[in-house]
Every structure is written in C-alpha cells, then in structure tokens.
Amino acid sequence: MKEEDVINAFVGYLRKCGFPGLKVDRWPDKEQENQGTLEIDAIAGPFAIEHTSIDTLQNQRRDSDWFFKVVGGIKEELSWIPIRLTITLEYDAVQTGQDWANIRTKLMTWIKNESIDLPNGRSILRDVQGIPFNRTETLPVV
C-alpha cells in the first residue's frame, strides 16, 4: 500500500470519527519549495499527518541495517554466476562483535567457488567456516 493510500485511509477513518468532510488539503512534503525537507506528509483540516512505519520485529531496522552491511550488493556483484541461488540467513545471524567484512568476503568466496557445485533443489549447509548461514537453494537459470 502506498503512503498516500495509508494517509487517505486514515483521513477517512477520522471522517467517520467526528470530522465529517475532512480531506487532505495539502501534501507539504511534495510541494516544490519543500522538496522533502518537511516532516509533514499531509495537512487535513486541523491535522498535520506524518506517515511512518512501525517495526514488526524487535530491532528490525537495526538488524536490517546490519544485514545489508554484510550482504548488500552481493547479488549485483556476482550476477555473472550461472545459477539462481537463494541463501537463507537466520534472522539473528548477523550480530555485533562479528567481523562483518570477513563474513562478506567468505560468503562471496563460497558463492564463487562452491555454490555452483550444489545440486538443484534445497541443500542444508552447516558449519561453513566463517559464514552464519545454514540453508541454500539453487535453481537452474531459465
């Protein structure tokens, strides 16, 4: 659902809850002179509305940031590999205190040198030195 849809749905809810005729009057963040500098997405009557998201898991944004520091961009860097590969990391596999650059290097080396030899289908891999993952799936390129 788009941010505007969420805001419009919220304004619709407010209309039903005692603010008849309420509608979005302005989208300040999209106005030329503001260019995303305001923290207000919409003005509806007396309400200044800022849409935000809420983490569905504890520390979701932090953990996602850590994850992307380890694996971000690998897909593009290794796009020449002639297989479709899915690597599943446990949600808490990337943690503080780990050498993330080393994990990234070992993961890329493993993908380049060993993943190509995996059979099609699901493989459970455990204790791959220096890499906190346990499952991969390879599919033929179509």
N, C-alpha and C. Protein backbone atom coordinates (compact mmCIF):
# COMPACT_ATOMS: atom_id res chain seq x y z
N MET A 1 0.85 -1.17 0.00
CA MET A 1 0.00 0.00 0.00
C MET A 1 0.89 1.24 0.00
N LYS A 2 0.57 2.18 -0.83
CA LYS A 2 1.35 3.41 -0.93
C LYS A 2 1.09 4.32 0.27
N GLU A 3 2.07 5.16 0.55
CA GLU A 3 1.96 6.10 1.67
C GLU A 3 0.70 6.96 1.55
N GLU A 4 0.42 7.47 0.36
CA GLU A 4 -0.77 8.31 0.16
C GLU A 4 -2.05 7.54 0.46
N ASP A 5 -2.09 6.27 0.08
CA ASP A 5 -3.26 5.44 0.36
C ASP A 5 -3.48 5.28 1.86
N VAL A 6 -2.38 5.09 2.59
CA VAL A 6 -2.47 4.95 4.04
C VAL A 6 -2.99 6.24 4.67
N ILE A 7 -2.45 7.36 4.22
CA ILE A 7 -2.89 8.66 4.76
C ILE A 7 -4.36 8.91 4.42
N ASN A 8 -4.75 8.64 3.19
CA ASN A 8 -6.16 8.83 2.81
C ASN A 8 -7.08 7.92 3.61
N ALA A 9 -6.65 6.70 3.88
CA ALA A 9 -7.46 5.79 4.70
C ALA A 9 -7.58 6.33 6.12
N PHE A 10 -6.50 6.89 6.65
CA PHE A 10 -6.53 7.47 7.99
C PHE A 10 -7.48 8.67 8.03
N VAL A 11 -7.41 9.51 7.03
CA VAL A 11 -8.31 10.66 6.95
C VAL A 11 -9.77 10.18 6.85
N GLY A 12 -10.00 9.11 6.10
CA GLY A 12 -11.34 8.52 6.02
C GLY A 12 -11.81 8.04 7.39
N TYR A 13 -10.92 7.45 8.13
CA TYR A 13 -11.24 7.00 9.49
C TYR A 13 -11.62 8.20 10.37
N LEU A 14 -10.82 9.28 10.28
CA LEU A 14 -11.12 10.48 11.06
C LEU A 14 -12.48 11.07 10.67
N ARG A 15 -12.84 11.01 9.37
CA ARG A 15 -14.15 11.50 8.93
C ARG A 15 -15.27 10.76 9.66
N LYS A 16 -15.11 9.45 9.80
CA LYS A 16 -16.12 8.62 10.47
C LYS A 16 -16.14 8.83 11.98
N CYS A 17 -15.07 9.41 12.52
CA CYS A 17 -14.94 9.57 13.97
C CYS A 17 -15.13 11.02 14.42
N GLY A 18 -15.99 11.74 13.74
CA GLY A 18 -16.32 13.07 14.23
C GLY A 18 -15.76 14.24 13.45
N PHE A 19 -15.17 13.98 12.30
CA PHE A 19 -14.64 15.07 11.48
C PHE A 19 -15.23 14.96 10.07
N PRO A 20 -16.54 15.14 9.95
CA PRO A 20 -17.17 14.99 8.64
C PRO A 20 -16.61 16.00 7.64
N GLY A 21 -16.47 15.56 6.43
CA GLY A 21 -15.96 16.44 5.37
C GLY A 21 -14.44 16.60 5.37
N LEU A 22 -13.77 15.95 6.31
CA LEU A 22 -12.31 16.06 6.36
C LEU A 22 -11.69 15.45 5.12
N LYS A 23 -10.73 16.15 4.55
CA LYS A 23 -10.00 15.63 3.38
C LYS A 23 -8.58 16.19 3.44
N VAL A 24 -7.71 15.59 2.66
CA VAL A 24 -6.34 16.09 2.58
C VAL A 24 -6.38 17.39 1.80
N ASP A 25 -5.91 18.46 2.44
CA ASP A 25 -5.88 19.77 1.80
C ASP A 25 -4.57 20.03 1.07
N ARG A 26 -3.50 19.50 1.61
CA ARG A 26 -2.16 19.74 1.02
C ARG A 26 -1.25 18.54 1.29
N TRP A 27 -0.25 18.42 0.44
CA TRP A 27 0.81 17.43 0.61
C TRP A 27 2.13 18.22 0.72
N PRO A 28 2.42 18.82 1.89
CA PRO A 28 3.57 19.73 2.02
C PRO A 28 4.91 19.13 1.60
N ASP A 29 5.12 17.87 1.90
CA ASP A 29 6.41 17.25 1.58
C ASP A 29 6.66 17.17 0.08
N LYS A 30 5.58 17.25 -0.71
CA LYS A 30 5.71 17.13 -2.17
C LYS A 30 5.71 18.48 -2.87
N GLU A 31 5.47 19.54 -2.12
CA GLU A 31 5.44 20.86 -2.73
C GLU A 31 6.84 21.30 -3.13
N GLN A 32 6.93 21.96 -4.25
CA GLN A 32 8.21 22.36 -4.85
C GLN A 32 9.15 23.02 -3.86
N GLU A 33 8.64 23.95 -3.07
CA GLU A 33 9.51 24.71 -2.19
C GLU A 33 10.03 23.89 -1.01
N ASN A 34 9.40 22.77 -0.71
CA ASN A 34 9.82 21.96 0.43
C ASN A 34 10.73 20.81 0.02
N GLN A 35 10.46 20.20 -1.11
CA GLN A 35 11.26 19.10 -1.65
C GLN A 35 11.72 18.10 -0.59
N GLY A 36 10.76 17.62 0.17
CA GLY A 36 11.06 16.57 1.12
C GLY A 36 11.76 17.04 2.39
N THR A 37 11.82 18.35 2.63
CA THR A 37 12.52 18.85 3.82
C THR A 37 11.62 18.89 5.04
N LEU A 38 10.32 18.84 4.85
CA LEU A 38 9.40 18.87 5.99
C LEU A 38 9.14 17.46 6.48
N GLU A 39 8.76 17.36 7.72
CA GLU A 39 8.39 16.07 8.28
C GLU A 39 6.87 15.95 8.34
N ILE A 40 6.19 16.62 7.44
CA ILE A 40 4.73 16.55 7.38
C ILE A 40 4.34 16.07 5.99
N ASP A 41 3.66 14.94 5.95
CA ASP A 41 3.26 14.39 4.66
C ASP A 41 1.98 15.00 4.15
N ALA A 42 1.03 15.29 5.06
CA ALA A 42 -0.26 15.79 4.62
C ALA A 42 -0.86 16.74 5.66
N ILE A 43 -1.64 17.67 5.17
CA ILE A 43 -2.46 18.54 6.02
C ILE A 43 -3.90 18.23 5.69
N ALA A 44 -4.66 17.87 6.71
CA ALA A 44 -6.09 17.58 6.55
C ALA A 44 -6.82 18.35 7.64
N GLY A 45 -7.47 19.42 7.25
CA GLY A 45 -8.15 20.25 8.25
C GLY A 45 -7.15 20.70 9.30
N PRO A 46 -7.42 20.43 10.58
CA PRO A 46 -6.52 20.87 11.64
C PRO A 46 -5.36 19.90 11.90
N PHE A 47 -5.27 18.83 11.12
CA PHE A 47 -4.28 17.78 11.38
C PHE A 47 -3.07 17.88 10.45
N ALA A 48 -1.90 17.82 11.05
CA ALA A 48 -0.65 17.65 10.30
C ALA A 48 -0.31 16.16 10.44
N ILE A 49 -0.21 15.45 9.34
CA ILE A 49 -0.06 13.99 9.36
C ILE A 49 1.31 13.61 8.83
N GLU A 50 2.02 12.81 9.60
CA GLU A 50 3.30 12.24 9.18
C GLU A 50 3.14 10.74 9.20
N HIS A 51 3.31 10.12 8.06
CA HIS A 51 3.22 8.67 7.97
C HIS A 51 4.58 8.09 8.33
N THR A 52 4.56 7.07 9.13
CA THR A 52 5.79 6.38 9.46
C THR A 52 5.49 4.90 9.52
N SER A 53 6.51 4.09 9.53
CA SER A 53 6.28 2.66 9.64
C SER A 53 6.72 2.21 11.03
N ILE A 54 6.17 1.10 11.44
CA ILE A 54 6.48 0.54 12.75
C ILE A 54 7.13 -0.82 12.52
N ASP A 55 8.23 -1.06 13.21
CA ASP A 55 8.90 -2.35 13.09
C ASP A 55 7.96 -3.45 13.56
N THR A 56 7.91 -4.54 12.81
CA THR A 56 7.09 -5.67 13.22
C THR A 56 7.88 -6.65 14.08
N LEU A 57 9.18 -6.52 14.07
CA LEU A 57 10.06 -7.33 14.92
C LEU A 57 10.91 -6.38 15.77
N GLN A 58 11.27 -6.82 16.94
CA GLN A 58 12.12 -6.00 17.79
C GLN A 58 13.45 -5.73 17.08
N ASN A 59 13.86 -4.47 17.07
CA ASN A 59 15.13 -4.03 16.46
C ASN A 59 15.20 -4.31 14.96
N GLN A 60 14.07 -4.33 14.28
CA GLN A 60 14.03 -4.69 12.86
C GLN A 60 14.90 -3.78 12.00
N ARG A 61 14.81 -2.48 12.19
CA ARG A 61 15.59 -1.55 11.36
C ARG A 61 17.08 -1.71 11.62
N ARG A 62 17.44 -1.82 12.87
CA ARG A 62 18.85 -2.01 13.22
C ARG A 62 19.38 -3.30 12.60
N ASP A 63 18.65 -4.39 12.79
CA ASP A 63 19.11 -5.69 12.28
C ASP A 63 19.15 -5.71 10.76
N SER A 64 18.19 -5.04 10.12
CA SER A 64 18.21 -4.94 8.65
C SER A 64 19.44 -4.18 8.19
N ASP A 65 19.78 -3.12 8.89
CA ASP A 65 20.97 -2.34 8.56
C ASP A 65 22.22 -3.21 8.68
N TRP A 66 22.32 -3.97 9.76
CA TRP A 66 23.47 -4.87 9.93
C TRP A 66 23.53 -5.89 8.80
N PHE A 67 22.39 -6.49 8.48
CA PHE A 67 22.32 -7.50 7.43
C PHE A 67 22.82 -6.93 6.11
N PHE A 68 22.36 -5.72 5.75
CA PHE A 68 22.77 -5.13 4.48
C PHE A 68 24.23 -4.70 4.48
N LYS A 69 24.80 -4.44 5.64
CA LYS A 69 26.23 -4.16 5.70
C LYS A 69 27.03 -5.41 5.37
N VAL A 70 26.47 -6.57 5.65
CA VAL A 70 27.15 -7.83 5.34
C VAL A 70 26.87 -8.28 3.91
N VAL A 71 25.62 -8.25 3.48
CA VAL A 71 25.27 -8.85 2.18
C VAL A 71 24.84 -7.87 1.11
N GLY A 72 24.67 -6.61 1.44
CA GLY A 72 24.19 -5.63 0.46
C GLY A 72 25.06 -5.57 -0.78
N GLY A 73 24.45 -5.68 -1.95
CA GLY A 73 25.16 -5.57 -3.22
C GLY A 73 25.78 -6.85 -3.74
N ILE A 74 25.80 -7.90 -2.94
CA ILE A 74 26.42 -9.15 -3.39
C ILE A 74 25.73 -9.69 -4.63
N LYS A 75 24.42 -9.62 -4.67
CA LYS A 75 23.67 -10.13 -5.82
C LYS A 75 24.15 -9.47 -7.11
N GLU A 76 24.32 -8.16 -7.07
CA GLU A 76 24.76 -7.43 -8.26
C GLU A 76 26.21 -7.74 -8.59
N GLU A 77 27.06 -7.81 -7.57
CA GLU A 77 28.48 -8.09 -7.80
C GLU A 77 28.72 -9.47 -8.41
N LEU A 78 27.86 -10.40 -8.05
CA LEU A 78 28.04 -11.78 -8.52
C LEU A 78 26.97 -12.21 -9.52
N SER A 79 26.43 -11.25 -10.23
CA SER A 79 25.35 -11.56 -11.18
C SER A 79 25.80 -12.46 -12.33
N TRP A 80 27.09 -12.59 -12.53
CA TRP A 80 27.62 -13.43 -13.60
C TRP A 80 27.56 -14.92 -13.27
N ILE A 81 27.30 -15.28 -12.02
CA ILE A 81 27.24 -16.69 -11.63
C ILE A 81 26.06 -17.34 -12.36
N PRO A 82 26.27 -18.50 -13.01
CA PRO A 82 25.25 -19.08 -13.89
C PRO A 82 24.18 -19.91 -13.19
N ILE A 83 23.84 -19.57 -11.94
CA ILE A 83 22.76 -20.27 -11.24
C ILE A 83 21.90 -19.25 -10.52
N ARG A 84 20.68 -19.66 -10.20
CA ARG A 84 19.85 -18.87 -9.30
C ARG A 84 20.10 -19.43 -7.91
N LEU A 85 20.48 -18.60 -7.00
CA LEU A 85 20.87 -19.05 -5.67
C LEU A 85 20.12 -18.24 -4.62
N THR A 86 19.53 -18.93 -3.70
CA THR A 86 18.90 -18.28 -2.56
C THR A 86 19.65 -18.73 -1.32
N ILE A 87 20.09 -17.77 -0.55
CA ILE A 87 20.77 -18.08 0.70
C ILE A 87 19.91 -17.55 1.83
N THR A 88 19.62 -18.40 2.77
CA THR A 88 18.79 -18.02 3.90
C THR A 88 19.66 -17.89 5.14
N LEU A 89 19.64 -16.72 5.72
CA LEU A 89 20.33 -16.49 6.98
C LEU A 89 19.28 -16.47 8.08
N GLU A 90 19.60 -17.02 9.21
CA GLU A 90 18.72 -16.90 10.36
C GLU A 90 18.56 -15.42 10.67
N TYR A 91 17.42 -15.04 11.22
CA TYR A 91 17.15 -13.63 11.46
C TYR A 91 18.24 -12.97 12.29
N ASP A 92 18.74 -13.69 13.27
CA ASP A 92 19.75 -13.10 14.16
C ASP A 92 21.17 -13.55 13.82
N ALA A 93 21.41 -13.98 12.58
CA ALA A 93 22.73 -14.47 12.19
C ALA A 93 23.79 -13.37 12.21
N VAL A 94 23.42 -12.17 11.87
CA VAL A 94 24.37 -11.06 11.84
C VAL A 94 24.23 -10.30 13.15
N GLN A 95 25.32 -10.28 13.92
CA GLN A 95 25.28 -9.69 15.25
C GLN A 95 26.49 -8.79 15.46
N THR A 96 26.40 -7.97 16.49
CA THR A 96 27.56 -7.15 16.84
C THR A 96 28.67 -8.07 17.33
N GLY A 97 29.89 -7.62 17.17
CA GLY A 97 31.04 -8.40 17.60
C GLY A 97 31.57 -9.31 16.50
N GLN A 98 30.80 -9.52 15.44
CA GLN A 98 31.27 -10.32 14.32
C GLN A 98 32.09 -9.43 13.39
N ASP A 99 32.97 -10.05 12.65
CA ASP A 99 33.73 -9.32 11.63
C ASP A 99 32.91 -9.36 10.35
N TRP A 100 32.06 -8.35 10.16
CA TRP A 100 31.12 -8.36 9.04
C TRP A 100 31.84 -8.34 7.69
N ALA A 101 32.93 -7.61 7.59
CA ALA A 101 33.68 -7.58 6.33
C ALA A 101 34.23 -8.97 6.02
N ASN A 102 34.68 -9.67 7.03
CA ASN A 102 35.21 -11.03 6.83
C ASN A 102 34.10 -11.99 6.43
N ILE A 103 32.93 -11.87 7.06
CA ILE A 103 31.79 -12.72 6.69
C ILE A 103 31.43 -12.47 5.23
N ARG A 104 31.40 -11.21 4.84
CA ARG A 104 31.07 -10.86 3.45
C ARG A 104 32.08 -11.48 2.48
N THR A 105 33.36 -11.34 2.79
CA THR A 105 34.41 -11.89 1.93
C THR A 105 34.28 -13.41 1.83
N LYS A 106 34.09 -14.08 2.96
CA LYS A 106 33.97 -15.55 2.94
C LYS A 106 32.71 -15.99 2.21
N LEU A 107 31.63 -15.24 2.38
CA LEU A 107 30.39 -15.58 1.68
C LEU A 107 30.57 -15.45 0.17
N MET A 108 31.18 -14.36 -0.26
CA MET A 108 31.40 -14.18 -1.70
C MET A 108 32.33 -15.26 -2.25
N THR A 109 33.37 -15.60 -1.51
CA THR A 109 34.28 -16.65 -1.94
C THR A 109 33.55 -17.99 -2.04
N TRP A 110 32.70 -18.28 -1.05
CA TRP A 110 31.94 -19.53 -1.08
C TRP A 110 31.01 -19.55 -2.29
N ILE A 111 30.33 -18.45 -2.54
CA ILE A 111 29.41 -18.40 -3.69
C ILE A 111 30.18 -18.63 -4.98
N LYS A 112 31.31 -17.96 -5.15
CA LYS A 112 32.11 -18.08 -6.38
C LYS A 112 32.66 -19.48 -6.57
N ASN A 113 33.15 -20.10 -5.50
CA ASN A 113 33.90 -21.35 -5.63
C ASN A 113 33.11 -22.62 -5.37
N GLU A 114 32.08 -22.54 -4.56
CA GLU A 114 31.43 -23.79 -4.15
C GLU A 114 29.95 -23.88 -4.48
N SER A 115 29.25 -22.76 -4.53
CA SER A 115 27.80 -22.84 -4.73
C SER A 115 27.43 -23.44 -6.08
N ILE A 116 28.28 -23.26 -7.07
CA ILE A 116 28.00 -23.77 -8.41
C ILE A 116 27.90 -25.29 -8.42
N ASP A 117 28.57 -25.96 -7.48
CA ASP A 117 28.56 -27.42 -7.44
C ASP A 117 27.38 -28.00 -6.66
N LEU A 118 26.53 -27.15 -6.10
CA LEU A 118 25.37 -27.66 -5.36
C LEU A 118 24.37 -28.26 -6.34
N PRO A 119 23.69 -29.32 -5.93
CA PRO A 119 22.65 -29.87 -6.80
C PRO A 119 21.44 -28.94 -6.81
N ASN A 120 20.62 -29.04 -7.86
CA ASN A 120 19.37 -28.28 -7.87
C ASN A 120 18.52 -28.71 -6.69
N GLY A 121 17.79 -27.78 -6.15
CA GLY A 121 16.94 -28.07 -5.01
C GLY A 121 17.51 -27.49 -3.74
N ARG A 122 17.02 -27.97 -2.64
CA ARG A 122 17.37 -27.44 -1.34
C ARG A 122 18.56 -28.19 -0.75
N SER A 123 19.48 -27.45 -0.19
CA SER A 123 20.64 -28.04 0.48
C SER A 123 20.74 -27.43 1.86
N ILE A 124 21.00 -28.25 2.83
CA ILE A 124 21.23 -27.74 4.18
C ILE A 124 22.74 -27.75 4.40
N LEU A 125 23.26 -26.61 4.68
CA LEU A 125 24.70 -26.48 4.90
C LEU A 125 24.92 -26.02 6.33
N ARG A 126 25.78 -26.71 7.02
CA ARG A 126 26.08 -26.32 8.38
C ARG A 126 27.59 -26.20 8.53
N ASP A 127 27.98 -25.35 9.43
CA ASP A 127 29.39 -25.19 9.78
C ASP A 127 30.27 -24.82 8.59
N VAL A 128 29.78 -23.95 7.73
CA VAL A 128 30.63 -23.41 6.67
C VAL A 128 31.48 -22.36 7.36
N GLN A 129 32.76 -22.59 7.39
CA GLN A 129 33.68 -21.77 8.17
C GLN A 129 33.51 -20.27 7.93
N GLY A 130 33.15 -19.56 8.99
CA GLY A 130 33.08 -18.11 8.93
C GLY A 130 31.80 -17.52 8.37
N ILE A 131 30.82 -18.37 8.01
CA ILE A 131 29.58 -17.86 7.41
C ILE A 131 28.40 -18.33 8.26
N PRO A 132 27.59 -17.38 8.78
CA PRO A 132 26.49 -17.77 9.66
C PRO A 132 25.19 -18.11 8.92
N PHE A 133 25.27 -18.96 7.89
CA PHE A 133 24.03 -19.39 7.24
C PHE A 133 23.95 -20.90 7.32
N ASN A 134 22.75 -21.43 7.06
CA ASN A 134 22.62 -22.88 7.15
C ASN A 134 21.81 -23.51 6.03
N ARG A 135 21.35 -22.71 5.06
CA ARG A 135 20.49 -23.30 4.03
C ARG A 135 20.65 -22.54 2.74
N THR A 136 20.71 -23.23 1.63
CA THR A 136 20.72 -22.60 0.33
C THR A 136 19.77 -23.34 -0.58
N GLU A 137 19.40 -22.69 -1.66
CA GLU A 137 18.58 -23.35 -2.67
C GLU A 137 19.10 -22.89 -4.02
N THR A 138 19.41 -23.83 -4.87
CA THR A 138 19.86 -23.48 -6.21
C THR A 138 18.83 -23.94 -7.22
N LEU A 139 18.62 -23.12 -8.21
CA LEU A 139 17.69 -23.44 -9.27
C LEU A 139 18.39 -23.18 -10.60
N PRO A 140 18.08 -23.96 -11.63
CA PRO A 140 18.72 -23.70 -12.91
C PRO A 140 18.29 -22.35 -13.48
N VAL A 141 19.18 -21.71 -14.17
CA VAL A 141 18.86 -20.44 -14.82
C VAL A 141 17.95 -20.74 -16.01
N VAL A 142 16.88 -19.98 -16.12
CA VAL A 142 15.96 -20.16 -17.25
C VAL A 142 15.95 -18.92 -18.10
